[in-house]
C-alpha atoms as a PDB file:
ATOM      1  CA  SER A   1      22.543 -78.042 -34.802  1.00  0.00           C
ATOM      2  CA  GLN A   2      24.225 -77.151 -38.089  1.00  0.00           C
ATOM      3  CA  VAL A   3      22.487 -76.239 -41.300  1.00  0.00           C
ATOM      4  CA  ASP A   4      21.463 -78.815 -44.042  1.00  0.00           C
ATOM      5  CA  GLU A   5      19.467 -78.348 -46.988  1.00  0.00           C
ATOM      6  CA  ARG A   6      16.514 -76.985 -44.950  1.00  0.00           C
ATOM      7  CA  ALA A   7      18.578 -73.578 -44.732  1.00  0.00           C
ATOM      8  CA  LEU A   8      17.584 -73.076 -48.539  1.00  0.00           C
ATOM      9  CA  PRO A   9      14.474 -72.129 -50.150  1.00  0.00           C
ATOM     10  CA  ARG A  10      11.959 -74.812 -50.392  1.00  0.00           C
ATOM     11  CA  THR A  11      11.864 -74.506 -53.941  1.00  0.00           C
ATOM     12  CA  ASP A  12      15.698 -74.968 -54.418  1.00  0.00           C
ATOM     13  CA  PRO A  13      16.373 -78.110 -56.601  1.00  0.00           C
ATOM     14  CA  SER A  14      18.512 -79.757 -53.789  1.00  0.00           C
ATOM     15  CA  VAL A  15      15.689 -79.236 -51.359  1.00  0.00           C
ATOM     16  CA  VAL A  16      13.283 -80.753 -53.680  1.00  0.00           C
ATOM     17  CA  ALA A  17      15.497 -83.626 -54.463  1.00  0.00           C
ATOM     18  CA  THR A  18      16.205 -84.514 -51.064  1.00  0.00           C
ATOM     19  CA  GLY A  19      12.284 -84.319 -50.284  1.00  0.00           C
ATOM     20  CA  ILE A  20      11.529 -86.736 -53.280  1.00  0.00           C
ATOM     21  CA  LEU A  21      14.222 -89.267 -52.077  1.00  0.00           C
ATOM     22  CA  GLY A  22      13.012 -89.372 -48.648  1.00  0.00           C
ATOM     23  CA  THR A  23       9.325 -89.812 -49.740  1.00  0.00           C
ATOM     24  CA  GLU A  24       9.602 -92.114 -52.532  1.00  0.00           C
ATOM     25  CA  PHE A  25      12.487 -93.898 -51.824  1.00  0.00           C
ATOM     26  CA  PRO A  26      12.408 -94.379 -48.089  1.00  0.00           C
ATOM     27  CA  GLY A  27      14.669 -97.472 -48.035  1.00  0.00           C
ATOM     28  CA  LEU A  28      17.442 -95.640 -48.673  1.00  0.00           C
ATOM     29  CA  GLY A  29      17.648 -94.460 -45.147  1.00  0.00           C
ATOM     30  CA  GLY A  30      19.199 -91.222 -45.562  1.00  0.00           C
ATOM     31  CA  VAL A  31      22.950 -90.455 -45.254  1.00  0.00           C
ATOM     32  CA  PRO A  32      24.698 -93.555 -44.221  1.00  0.00           C
ATOM     33  CA  ILE A  33      27.085 -94.019 -41.225  1.00  0.00           C
ATOM     34  CA  GLU A  34      30.274 -95.699 -42.052  1.00  0.00           C
ATOM     35  CA  ILE A  35      32.146 -97.821 -39.726  1.00  0.00           C
ATOM     36  CA  THR A  36      35.637 -99.078 -40.240  1.00  0.00           C
ATOM     37  CA  MET A  37      37.299-101.816 -38.099  1.00  0.00           C
ATOM     38  CA  PRO A  38      40.037-104.339 -38.379  1.00  0.00           C
ATOM     39  CA  ARG A  39      38.834-107.620 -39.951  1.00  0.00           C
ATOM     40  CA  PRO A  40      37.660-109.917 -37.186  1.00  0.00           C
ATOM     41  CA  SER A  41      39.405-113.027 -36.755  1.00  0.00           C
ATOM     42  CA  ASP A  42      35.882-114.961 -37.163  1.00  0.00           C
ATOM     43  CA  ASP A  43      32.693-114.155 -38.906  1.00  0.00           C
ATOM     44  CA  GLN A  44      30.548-114.570 -35.967  1.00  0.00           C
ATOM     45  CA  SER A  45      32.035-111.799 -34.026  1.00  0.00           C
ATOM     46  CA  LEU A  46      31.317-109.512 -36.984  1.00  0.00           C
ATOM     47  CA  ALA A  47      27.904-111.017 -37.343  1.00  0.00           C
ATOM     48  CA  ASP A  48      27.208-110.320 -33.601  1.00  0.00           C
ATOM     49  CA  TYR A  49      28.405-106.774 -33.656  1.00  0.00           C
ATOM     50  CA  SER A  50      26.267-106.275 -36.822  1.00  0.00           C
ATOM     51  CA  ALA A  51      23.334-107.574 -35.024  1.00  0.00           C
ATOM     52  CA  ALA A  52      23.731-105.511 -31.954  1.00  0.00           C
ATOM     53  CA  LEU A  53      24.032-102.123 -34.045  1.00  0.00           C
ATOM     54  CA  SER A  54      20.902-102.944 -35.760  1.00  0.00           C
ATOM     55  CA  GLU A  55      19.181-102.945 -32.434  1.00  0.00           C
ATOM     56  CA  VAL A  56      20.058 -99.397 -31.872  1.00  0.00           C
ATOM     57  CA  ALA A  57      16.951 -97.271 -31.809  1.00  0.00           C
ATOM     58  CA  THR A  58      16.145 -95.419 -35.297  1.00  0.00           C
ATOM     59  CA  ILE A  59      18.605 -97.785 -37.053  1.00  0.00           C
ATOM     60  CA  THR A  60      16.946 -99.483 -40.115  1.00  0.00           C
ATOM     61  CA  ARG A  61      19.479-101.635 -41.245  1.00  0.00           C
ATOM     62  CA  VAL A  62      23.243-102.689 -41.245  1.00  0.00           C
ATOM     63  CA  VAL A  63      25.346-104.032 -43.974  1.00  0.00           C
ATOM     64  CA  SER A  64      28.372-105.861 -43.423  1.00  0.00           C
ATOM     65  CA  SER A  65      30.264-108.679 -44.732  1.00  0.00           C
ATOM     66  CA  SER A  66      27.985-111.142 -42.594  1.00  0.00           C
ATOM     67  CA  GLY A  67      24.721-109.759 -44.233  1.00  0.00           C
ATOM     68  CA  VAL A  68      22.065-107.362 -44.036  1.00  0.00           C
ATOM     69  CA  PHE A  69      20.913-107.213 -40.267  1.00  0.00           C
ATOM     70  CA  THR A  70      17.401-105.341 -39.027  1.00  0.00           C
ATOM     71  CA  GLY A  71      16.264-105.401 -35.511  1.00  0.00           C
ATOM     72  CA  GLY A  72      18.847-107.810 -34.452  1.00  0.00           C
ATOM     73  CA  GLU A  73      18.184-110.376 -36.985  1.00  0.00           C
ATOM     74  CA  LEU A  74      19.932-111.260 -40.485  1.00  0.00           C
ATOM     75  CA  VAL A  75      17.275-110.768 -43.161  1.00  0.00           C
ATOM     76  CA  SER A  76      19.487-111.421 -46.192  1.00  0.00           C
ATOM     77  CA  GLN A  77      22.933-111.811 -47.533  1.00  0.00           C
ATOM     78  CA  THR A  78      25.148-108.818 -48.744  1.00  0.00           C
ATOM     79  CA  PRO A  79      23.893-107.591 -51.994  1.00  0.00           C
ATOM     80  CA  PRO A  80      26.212-108.326 -54.876  1.00  0.00           C
ATOM     81  CA  GLY A  81      28.672-105.545 -55.671  1.00  0.00           C
ATOM     82  CA  VAL A  82      28.628-103.918 -52.337  1.00  0.00           C
ATOM     83  CA  VAL A  83      32.068-103.463 -51.039  1.00  0.00           C
ATOM     84  CA  THR A  84      32.378-104.664 -47.393  1.00  0.00           C
ATOM     85  CA  SER A  85      36.199-105.542 -46.912  1.00  0.00           C
ATOM     86  CA  ALA A  86      39.533-104.616 -48.138  1.00  0.00           C
ATOM     87  CA  ALA A  87      42.936-105.908 -47.040  1.00  0.00           C
ATOM     88  CA  ALA A  88      42.866-106.147 -43.315  1.00  0.00           C
ATOM     89  CA  THR A  89      39.915-103.587 -42.806  1.00  0.00           C
ATOM     90  CA  GLU A  90      36.107-104.384 -42.699  1.00  0.00           C
ATOM     91  CA  ARG A  91      33.511-101.960 -43.707  1.00  0.00           C
ATOM     92  CA  VAL A  92      29.985-101.727 -41.846  1.00  0.00           C
ATOM     93  CA  THR A  93      27.461 -99.280 -43.113  1.00  0.00           C
ATOM     94  CA  VAL A  94      24.690 -98.057 -40.837  1.00  0.00           C
ATOM     95  CA  PHE A  95      21.307 -96.547 -41.994  1.00  0.00           C
ATOM     96  CA  SER A  96      19.227 -94.638 -39.639  1.00  0.00           C
ATOM     97  CA  THR A  97      16.104 -92.627 -40.192  1.00  0.00           C
ATOM     98  CA  GLU A  98      17.525 -89.613 -38.232  1.00  0.00           C
ATOM     99  CA  ARG A  99      18.853 -86.619 -39.973  1.00  0.00           C
ATOM    100  CA  ALA A 100      22.805 -86.781 -39.820  1.00  0.00           C
ATOM    101  CA  ARG A 101      22.984 -83.022 -38.578  1.00  0.00           C
ATOM    102  CA  SER A 102      20.579 -82.983 -35.762  1.00  0.00           C
ATOM    103  CA  PRO A 103      20.656 -83.615 -31.889  1.00  0.00           C
ATOM    104  CA  GLU A 104      18.841 -86.926 -32.666  1.00  0.00           C
ATOM    105  CA  GLY A 105      21.749 -87.823 -34.963  1.00  0.00           C
ATOM    106  CA  GLU A 106      24.146 -86.960 -32.288  1.00  0.00           C
ATOM    107  CA  ARG A 107      22.474 -89.548 -30.091  1.00  0.00           C
ATOM    108  CA  VAL A 108      22.497 -92.257 -32.801  1.00  0.00           C
ATOM    109  CA  ILE A 109      26.463 -91.761 -32.984  1.00  0.00           C
ATOM    110  CA  ALA A 110      26.782 -91.935 -29.181  1.00  0.00           C
ATOM    111  CA  ASP A 111      24.797 -95.279 -29.017  1.00  0.00           C
ATOM    112  CA  ILE A 112      26.781 -96.601 -31.752  1.00  0.00           C
ATOM    113  CA  ARG A 113      30.143 -95.668 -30.148  1.00  0.00           C
ATOM    114  CA  SER A 114      28.915 -97.196 -27.075  1.00  0.00           C
ATOM    115  CA  THR A 115      28.045-100.558 -28.444  1.00  0.00           C
ATOM    116  CA  GLY A 116      30.502-103.088 -27.826  1.00  0.00           C
ATOM    117  CA  ALA A 117      32.942-103.151 -30.879  1.00  0.00           C
ATOM    118  CA  PRO A 118      36.519-104.256 -31.493  1.00  0.00           C
ATOM    119  CA  ALA A 119      39.646-102.157 -30.930  1.00  0.00           C
ATOM    120  CA  GLY A 120      40.427 -99.955 -33.743  1.00  0.00           C
ATOM    121  CA  THR A 121      36.791 -99.220 -34.571  1.00  0.00           C
ATOM    122  CA  GLN A 122      36.203 -95.849 -36.174  1.00  0.00           C
ATOM    123  CA  VAL A 123      32.707 -94.395 -36.775  1.00  0.00           C
ATOM    124  CA  GLY A 124      32.524 -91.876 -39.899  1.00  0.00           C
ATOM    125  CA  GLY A 125      30.257 -90.218 -42.113  1.00  0.00           C
ATOM    126  CA  LEU A 126      28.143 -87.050 -41.790  1.00  0.00           C
ATOM    127  CA  ALA A 127      26.465 -87.652 -38.753  1.00  0.00           C
ATOM    128  CA  ALA A 128      29.811 -88.462 -37.046  1.00  0.00           C
ATOM    129  CA  GLU A 129      31.537 -85.295 -38.454  1.00  0.00           C
ATOM    130  CA  TYR A 130      28.547 -83.309 -37.163  1.00  0.00           C
ATOM    131  CA  THR A 131      28.740 -85.045 -33.702  1.00  0.00           C
ATOM    132  CA  ASP A 132      32.354 -84.636 -33.490  1.00  0.00           C
ATOM    133  CA  SER A 133      32.165 -80.829 -34.631  1.00  0.00           C
ATOM    134  CA  GLN A 134      29.746 -80.325 -31.860  1.00  0.00           C
ATOM    135  CA  LEU A 135      31.921 -81.708 -29.240  1.00  0.00           C
ATOM    136  CA  GLY A 136      34.813 -79.864 -30.404  1.00  0.00           C
ATOM    137  CA  ILE A 137      32.817 -76.559 -30.245  1.00  0.00           C
ATOM    138  CA  ALA A 138      31.451 -77.547 -26.776  1.00  0.00           C
ATOM    139  CA  ARG A 139      34.987 -78.382 -25.572  1.00  0.00           C
ATOM    140  CA  MET A 140      36.884 -75.280 -26.672  1.00  0.00           C
ATOM    141  CA  LEU A 141      34.215 -72.776 -26.327  1.00  0.00           C
ATOM    142  CA  PRO A 142      34.717 -72.324 -22.567  1.00  0.00           C
ATOM    143  CA  TRP A 143      38.496 -71.483 -23.314  1.00  0.00           C
ATOM    144  CA  ALA A 144      37.759 -69.022 -26.391  1.00  0.00           C
ATOM    145  CA  LEU A 145      35.214 -67.207 -24.257  1.00  0.00           C
ATOM    146  CA  ALA A 146      37.661 -66.928 -21.152  1.00  0.00           C
ATOM    147  CA  TRP A 147      40.215 -65.672 -23.661  1.00  0.00           C
ATOM    148  CA  VAL A 148      37.862 -62.945 -24.911  1.00  0.00           C
ATOM    149  CA  LEU A 149      36.807 -61.900 -21.595  1.00  0.00           C
ATOM    150  CA  VAL A 150      40.012 -61.818 -20.012  1.00  0.00           C
ATOM    151  CA  SER A 151      41.354 -59.833 -23.005  1.00  0.00           C
ATOM    152  CA  VAL A 152      38.445 -57.178 -22.814  1.00  0.00           C
ATOM    153  CA  LEU A 153      38.801 -56.740 -19.052  1.00  0.00           C
ATOM    154  CA  VAL A 154      42.562 -56.262 -19.400  1.00  0.00           C
ATOM    155  CA  LEU A 155      42.266 -53.712 -22.136  1.00  0.00           C
ATOM    156  CA  LEU A 156      39.437 -51.754 -20.589  1.00  0.00           C
ATOM    157  CA  PHE A 157      41.330 -51.621 -17.276  1.00  0.00           C
ATOM    158  CA  LEU A 158      44.345 -50.144 -19.030  1.00  0.00           C
ATOM    159  CA  PHE A 159      42.128 -47.629 -20.788  1.00  0.00           C
ATOM    160  CA  THR A 160      40.157 -46.549 -17.912  1.00  0.00           C
ATOM    161  CA  GLY A 161      42.386 -47.534 -14.939  1.00  0.00           C
ATOM    162  CA  SER A 162      39.083 -48.797 -13.223  1.00  0.00           C
ATOM    163  CA  VAL A 163      37.997 -52.234 -11.790  1.00  0.00           C
ATOM    164  CA  LEU A 164      34.335 -51.675 -11.820  1.00  0.00           C
ATOM    165  CA  LEU A 165      33.856 -50.219 -15.485  1.00  0.00           C
ATOM    166  CA  PRO A 166      35.396 -53.373 -17.431  1.00  0.00           C
ATOM    167  CA  ILE A 167      33.427 -55.959 -15.286  1.00  0.00           C
ATOM    168  CA  LYS A 168      30.292 -53.536 -15.879  1.00  0.00           C
ATOM    169  CA  ALA A 169      31.050 -53.550 -19.674  1.00  0.00           C
ATOM    170  CA  VAL A 170      31.318 -57.032 -20.251  1.00  0.00           C
ATOM    171  CA  ILE A 171      28.017 -57.749 -17.927  1.00  0.00           C
ATOM    172  CA  LEU A 172      25.979 -55.226 -20.022  1.00  0.00           C
ATOM    173  CA  ASN A 173      27.246 -56.538 -23.376  1.00  0.00           C
ATOM    174  CA  VAL A 174      26.353 -60.090 -22.309  1.00  0.00           C
ATOM    175  CA  MET A 175      23.090 -58.768 -21.626  1.00  0.00           C
ATOM    176  CA  SER A 176      22.264 -57.316 -24.895  1.00  0.00           C
ATOM    177  CA  LEU A 177      23.804 -60.364 -26.701  1.00  0.00           C
ATOM    178  CA  ALA A 178      21.762 -62.744 -24.567  1.00  0.00           C
ATOM    179  CA  ALA A 179      18.680 -60.557 -25.578  1.00  0.00           C
ATOM    180  CA  ALA A 180      19.538 -60.856 -29.079  1.00  0.00           C
ATOM    181  CA  ILE A 181      20.021 -64.611 -29.102  1.00  0.00           C
ATOM    182  CA  GLY A 182      16.556 -64.937 -27.362  1.00  0.00           C
ATOM    183  CA  VAL A 183      15.011 -63.174 -30.215  1.00  0.00           C
ATOM    184  CA  LEU A 184      16.520 -65.693 -32.492  1.00  0.00           C
ATOM    185  CA  VAL A 185      15.352 -68.697 -30.589  1.00  0.00           C
ATOM    186  CA  TRP A 186      11.896 -66.991 -30.556  1.00  0.00           C
ATOM    187  CA  VAL A 187      11.919 -66.271 -34.432  1.00  0.00           C
ATOM    188  CA  PHE A 188      13.606 -69.208 -35.910  1.00  0.00           C
ATOM    189  CA  GLN A 189      13.260 -71.937 -33.285  1.00  0.00           C
ATOM    190  CA  GLU A 190       9.777 -71.450 -32.168  1.00  0.00           C
ATOM    191  CA  GLY A 191       8.748 -69.975 -35.568  1.00  0.00           C
ATOM    192  CA  HIS A 192       7.494 -66.300 -34.955  1.00  0.00           C
ATOM    193  CA  LEU A 193       7.405 -63.381 -36.989  1.00  0.00           C
ATOM    194  CA  SER A 194       7.772 -65.002 -40.159  1.00  0.00           C
ATOM    195  CA  TRP A 195       6.024 -62.093 -41.921  1.00  0.00           C
ATOM    196  CA  LEU A 196       9.383 -60.032 -41.252  1.00  0.00           C
ATOM    197  CA  VAL A 197      11.937 -62.334 -41.852  1.00  0.00           C
ATOM    198  CA  GLY A 198      10.489 -64.109 -44.798  1.00  0.00           C
ATOM    199  CA  ASP A 199       9.675 -67.762 -45.542  1.00  0.00           C
ATOM    200  CA  PHE A 200      12.081 -70.437 -44.072  1.00  0.00           C
ATOM    201  CA  VAL A 201      11.908 -73.908 -42.636  1.00  0.00           C
ATOM    202  CA  ASN A 202      11.342 -74.131 -38.994  1.00  0.00           C
ATOM    203  CA  THR A 203      13.840 -76.933 -37.867  1.00  0.00           C
ATOM    204  CA  GLY A 204      13.130 -76.543 -34.129  1.00  0.00           C
ATOM    205  CA  SER A 205      16.892 -75.898 -33.639  1.00  0.00           C
ATOM    206  CA  LEU A 206      19.577 -73.124 -34.358  1.00  0.00           C
ATOM    207  CA  ASP A 207      22.634 -73.424 -36.313  1.00  0.00           C
ATOM    208  CA  THR A 208      25.584 -73.609 -33.979  1.00  0.00           C
ATOM    209  CA  SER A 209      28.134 -71.913 -36.275  1.00  0.00           C
ATOM    210  CA  THR A 210      25.341 -68.924 -37.161  1.00  0.00           C
ATOM    211  CA  ILE A 211      25.119 -68.177 -33.398  1.00  0.00           C
ATOM    212  CA  ILE A 212      28.665 -67.933 -32.740  1.00  0.00           C
ATOM    213  CA  VAL A 213      29.245 -65.707 -35.542  1.00  0.00           C
ATOM    214  CA  THR A 214      26.423 -63.584 -34.575  1.00  0.00           C
ATOM    215  CA  ALA A 215      27.719 -63.338 -31.056  1.00  0.00           C
ATOM    216  CA  ILE A 216      31.435 -62.469 -32.166  1.00  0.00           C
ATOM    217  CA  VAL A 217      30.254 -59.598 -34.449  1.00  0.00           C
ATOM    218  CA  ALA A 218      27.579 -58.360 -32.000  1.00  0.00           C
ATOM    219  CA  PHE A 219      29.836 -58.443 -29.095  1.00  0.00           C
ATOM    220  CA  GLY A 220      32.720 -56.760 -31.098  1.00  0.00           C
ATOM    221  CA  LEU A 221      30.392 -53.955 -32.096  1.00  0.00           C
ATOM    222  CA  SER A 222      29.211 -53.357 -28.586  1.00  0.00           C
ATOM    223  CA  MET A 223      32.585 -53.146 -27.146  1.00  0.00           C
ATOM    224  CA  ASP A 224      33.227 -50.291 -30.171  1.00  0.00           C
ATOM    225  CA  TYR A 225      30.211 -48.239 -28.582  1.00  0.00           C
ATOM    226  CA  GLU A 226      31.479 -48.929 -24.999  1.00  0.00           C
ATOM    227  CA  VAL A 227      34.920 -47.574 -25.818  1.00  0.00           C
ATOM    228  CA  PHE A 228      33.398 -44.624 -27.594  1.00  0.00           C
ATOM    229  CA  LEU A 229      31.182 -43.648 -24.688  1.00  0.00           C
ATOM    230  CA  LEU A 230      33.805 -44.355 -21.896  1.00  0.00           C
ATOM    231  CA  SER A 231      36.511 -42.294 -23.840  1.00  0.00           C
ATOM    232  CA  ARG A 232      34.669 -39.305 -23.892  1.00  0.00           C
ATOM    233  CA  ILE A 233      33.344 -39.809 -19.974  1.00  0.00           C
ATOM    234  CA  LYS A 234      36.879 -40.376 -19.130  1.00  0.00           C
ATOM    235  CA  GLU A 235      38.000 -37.363 -20.913  1.00  0.00           C
ATOM    236  CA  GLU A 236      35.715 -35.122 -18.969  1.00  0.00           C
ATOM    237  CA  TYR A 237      36.280 -37.013 -15.849  1.00  0.00           C
ATOM    238  CA  ASP A 238      39.915 -36.433 -15.941  1.00  0.00           C
ATOM    239  CA  ARG A 239      39.430 -32.884 -16.751  1.00  0.00           C
ATOM    240  CA  THR A 240      36.859 -32.060 -14.108  1.00  0.00           C
ATOM    241  CA  GLY A 241      37.214 -34.682 -11.358  1.00  0.00           C
ATOM    242  CA  ASP A 242      33.448 -34.655 -11.435  1.00  0.00           C
ATOM    243  CA  ASN A 243      31.507 -38.188 -12.066  1.00  0.00           C
ATOM    244  CA  THR A 244      28.325 -36.697 -12.634  1.00  0.00           C
ATOM    245  CA  ALA A 245      29.189 -33.983 -15.071  1.00  0.00           C
ATOM    246  CA  ALA A 246      31.577 -36.201 -16.846  1.00  0.00           C
ATOM    247  CA  VAL A 247      28.820 -38.789 -17.425  1.00  0.00           C
ATOM    248  CA  THR A 248      26.257 -36.054 -18.442  1.00  0.00           C
ATOM    249  CA  LYS A 249      28.657 -34.606 -21.032  1.00  0.00           C
ATOM    250  CA  GLY A 250      30.080 -37.853 -22.023  1.00  0.00           C
ATOM    251  CA  LEU A 251      26.702 -39.177 -23.162  1.00  0.00           C
ATOM    252  CA  GLN A 252      25.602 -35.803 -24.546  1.00  0.00           C
ATOM    253  CA  ARG A 253      28.682 -35.516 -26.917  1.00  0.00           C
ATOM    254  CA  SER A 254      28.829 -39.202 -27.984  1.00  0.00           C
ATOM    255  CA  ALA A 255      25.297 -40.312 -28.054  1.00  0.00           C
ATOM    256  CA  GLY A 256      24.610 -38.732 -31.544  1.00  0.00           C
ATOM    257  CA  ILE A 257      27.799 -40.522 -32.891  1.00  0.00           C
ATOM    258  CA  ILE A 258      26.743 -43.841 -31.311  1.00  0.00           C
ATOM    259  CA  THR A 259      23.069 -43.683 -32.498  1.00  0.00           C
ATOM    260  CA  ALA A 260      24.154 -42.693 -35.941  1.00  0.00           C
ATOM    261  CA  ALA A 261      26.391 -45.423 -36.425  1.00  0.00           C
ATOM    262  CA  ALA A 262      24.172 -47.920 -34.732  1.00  0.00           C
ATOM    263  CA  LEU A 263      21.549 -46.971 -37.266  1.00  0.00           C
ATOM    264  CA  LEU A 264      23.806 -47.249 -40.293  1.00  0.00           C
ATOM    265  CA  LEU A 265      25.093 -50.618 -39.342  1.00  0.00           C
ATOM    266  CA  ALA A 266      21.409 -51.816 -38.471  1.00  0.00           C
ATOM    267  CA  VAL A 267      20.164 -50.952 -41.803  1.00  0.00           C
ATOM    268  CA  VAL A 268      22.971 -52.866 -43.302  1.00  0.00           C
ATOM    269  CA  PHE A 269      22.719 -56.290 -41.391  1.00  0.00           C
ATOM    270  CA  ALA A 270      18.872 -55.732 -41.847  1.00  0.00           C
ATOM    271  CA  THR A 271      19.311 -56.348 -45.531  1.00  0.00           C
ATOM    272  CA  PHE A 272      20.503 -59.653 -44.740  1.00  0.00           C
ATOM    273  CA  LEU A 273      16.826 -60.616 -43.998  1.00  0.00           C
ATOM    274  CA  THR A 274      15.976 -60.368 -47.710  1.00  0.00           C
ATOM    275  CA  CYS A 275      18.312 -63.389 -48.262  1.00  0.00           C
ATOM    276  CA  SER A 276      16.807 -66.589 -49.031  1.00  0.00           C
ATOM    277  CA  VAL A 277      19.363 -68.746 -46.893  1.00  0.00           C
ATOM    278  CA  THR A 278      18.250 -68.872 -43.212  1.00  0.00           C
ATOM    279  CA  SER A 279      21.528 -68.979 -41.590  1.00  0.00           C
ATOM    280  CA  ILE A 280      22.172 -65.620 -43.397  1.00  0.00           C
ATOM    281  CA  LYS A 281      18.793 -64.196 -42.083  1.00  0.00           C
ATOM    282  CA  MET A 282      19.926 -65.374 -38.394  1.00  0.00           C
ATOM    283  CA  ILE A 283      22.790 -63.381 -38.848  1.00  0.00           C
ATOM    284  CA  GLY A 284      20.962 -60.471 -39.946  1.00  0.00           C
ATOM    285  CA  LEU A 285      18.451 -60.321 -37.601  1.00  0.00           C
ATOM    286  CA  GLY A 286      20.750 -61.187 -34.501  1.00  0.00           C
ATOM    287  CA  VAL A 287      23.146 -58.677 -35.024  1.00  0.00           C
ATOM    288  CA  THR A 288      20.585 -55.914 -35.761  1.00  0.00           C
ATOM    289  CA  VAL A 289      18.817 -56.475 -32.680  1.00  0.00           C
ATOM    290  CA  ALA A 290      21.923 -56.612 -30.632  1.00  0.00           C
ATOM    291  CA  ILE A 291      22.938 -53.315 -32.340  1.00  0.00           C
ATOM    292  CA  LEU A 292      19.882 -51.359 -31.685  1.00  0.00           C
ATOM    293  CA  LEU A 293      19.441 -52.761 -28.085  1.00  0.00           C
ATOM    294  CA  ASP A 294      23.052 -51.895 -27.282  1.00  0.00           C
ATOM    295  CA  ALA A 295      22.925 -48.271 -28.903  1.00  0.00           C
ATOM    296  CA  THR A 296      19.508 -47.509 -27.082  1.00  0.00           C
ATOM    297  CA  VAL A 297      18.748 -49.552 -23.877  1.00  0.00           C
ATOM    298  CA  VAL A 298      22.449 -50.230 -22.773  1.00  0.00           C
ATOM    299  CA  ARG A 299      24.347 -47.249 -24.061  1.00  0.00           C
ATOM    300  CA  VAL A 300      22.093 -44.422 -23.539  1.00  0.00           C
ATOM    301  CA  LEU A 301      20.162 -45.772 -20.706  1.00  0.00           C
ATOM    302  CA  LEU A 302      21.724 -48.608 -18.413  1.00  0.00           C
ATOM    303  CA  VAL A 303      25.513 -47.226 -18.706  1.00  0.00           C
ATOM    304  CA  PRO A 304      24.630 -43.655 -17.890  1.00  0.00           C
ATOM    305  CA  ALA A 305      22.432 -44.558 -14.795  1.00  0.00           C
ATOM    306  CA  PHE A 306      25.001 -47.365 -13.780  1.00  0.00           C
ATOM    307  CA  MET A 307      27.690 -44.877 -13.822  1.00  0.00           C
ATOM    308  CA  ARG A 308      25.899 -42.231 -12.028  1.00  0.00           C
ATOM    309  CA  ILE A 309      24.954 -44.456  -9.142  1.00  0.00           C
ATOM    310  CA  ALA A 310      28.325 -45.985  -8.691  1.00  0.00           C
ATOM    311  CA  GLY A 311      29.741 -42.296  -8.571  1.00  0.00           C
ATOM    312  CA  ARG A 312      33.616 -42.306  -7.785  1.00  0.00           C
ATOM    313  CA  ALA A 313      33.701 -45.992  -7.389  1.00  0.00           C
ATOM    314  CA  ASN A 314      33.629 -46.058 -11.049  1.00  0.00           C
ATOM    315  CA  TRP A 315      37.208 -44.854 -11.325  1.00  0.00           C
ATOM    316  CA  TRP A 316      38.466 -47.083  -8.114  1.00  0.00           C
ATOM    317  CA  ALA A 317      41.215 -49.351  -8.299  1.00  0.00           C
ATOM    318  CA  PRO A 318      43.678 -50.929  -5.651  1.00  0.00           C
ATOM    319  CA  GLU A 319      47.069 -49.350  -5.247  1.00  0.00           C
ATOM    320  CA  PRO A 320      49.115 -52.289  -7.008  1.00  0.00           C
ATOM    321  CA  LEU A 321      46.618 -52.058 -10.397  1.00  0.00           C
ATOM    322  CA  ARG A 322      46.729 -48.198 -10.022  1.00  0.00           C
ATOM    323  CA  ARG A 323      50.816 -48.596 -10.414  1.00  0.00           C
ATOM    324  CA  ILE A 324      50.177 -51.140 -13.394  1.00  0.00           C
ATOM    325  CA  HIS A 325      47.919 -48.480 -15.147  1.00  0.00           C
ATOM    326  CA  ALA A 326      50.207 -45.696 -14.466  1.00  0.00           C
ATOM    327  CA  ARG A 327      52.856 -47.628 -16.217  1.00  0.00           C
ATOM    328  CA  PHE A 328      51.297 -49.517 -18.862  1.00  0.00           C
ATOM    329  CA  GLY A 329      47.967 -47.655 -19.286  1.00  0.00           C
ATOM    330  CA  ILE A 330      46.332 -46.748 -22.465  1.00  0.00           C
ATOM    331  CA  SER A 331      45.717 -42.823 -23.036  1.00  0.00           C
ATOM    332  CA  ASP A 332      44.126 -40.639 -25.451  1.00  0.00           C
ATOM    333  CA  HIS A 333      46.248 -37.649 -24.848  1.00  0.00           C
END
């Protein structure tokens, strides 16, 4: 989902006002869904469309030039002063009991768009904006992930000359990132550890944009630590040709720097938990957990263990890729 007023403290004026409107004036039906369409050639087709819309689940009423519809029936005439048409355009206003920015709101928009409508009909409003933004994220996210992964794999290959190490780096970074997102689900979606993160409204879902920001920051920091460690290991391996000694000395000489940097960043991001806005709390907890996991379990345990077991396979690459690395490789010498 995306954030709404529930991301703010319960005592915030906008949250209090929204709660009063919902309990004291339920007939308002929340944020309306606005539909525009070319003016029909006859009133009956507009009435039929309005009636069909009013039969969609969770829709309480539909207002158009043909009147007010509820449950597929005309219940009253259009209230005076309500503008429902202009020039060649007809306006239909739909009210639903579902929150605009929620998975349920997405389903309402999908049901409305699947209801037979004249050509040129457009569905707008906050719920439609939310639905289209979620669809846009879902459509472009695979391409964004592919771009990031390919870029990381190429850059790490140019740096190490290895096929295995870039793949290992991506897999382990994704593992620590997945663990951090799992913690966010456990805390903010399932409602645990409120004593640690402070009071917040449990909406039963996570903010999409916050998860993406958290993932980007955590993945970038994880790659920084990966490069710190690999650069020291590679330096020793290039000097001695001994994989075991390179891993040992590389870890010994870089672990302190990685741990200190991780602790500093973790302290900074942990202060985000003192914020009263839920999405900021999520970023703080998610990045803090990802940093600590990456600097301890991943960087100090998993990476050295993997490289020790893999041995000389860490530095293997087929001959064509070796020539590419020899020509375009990144070196710290």
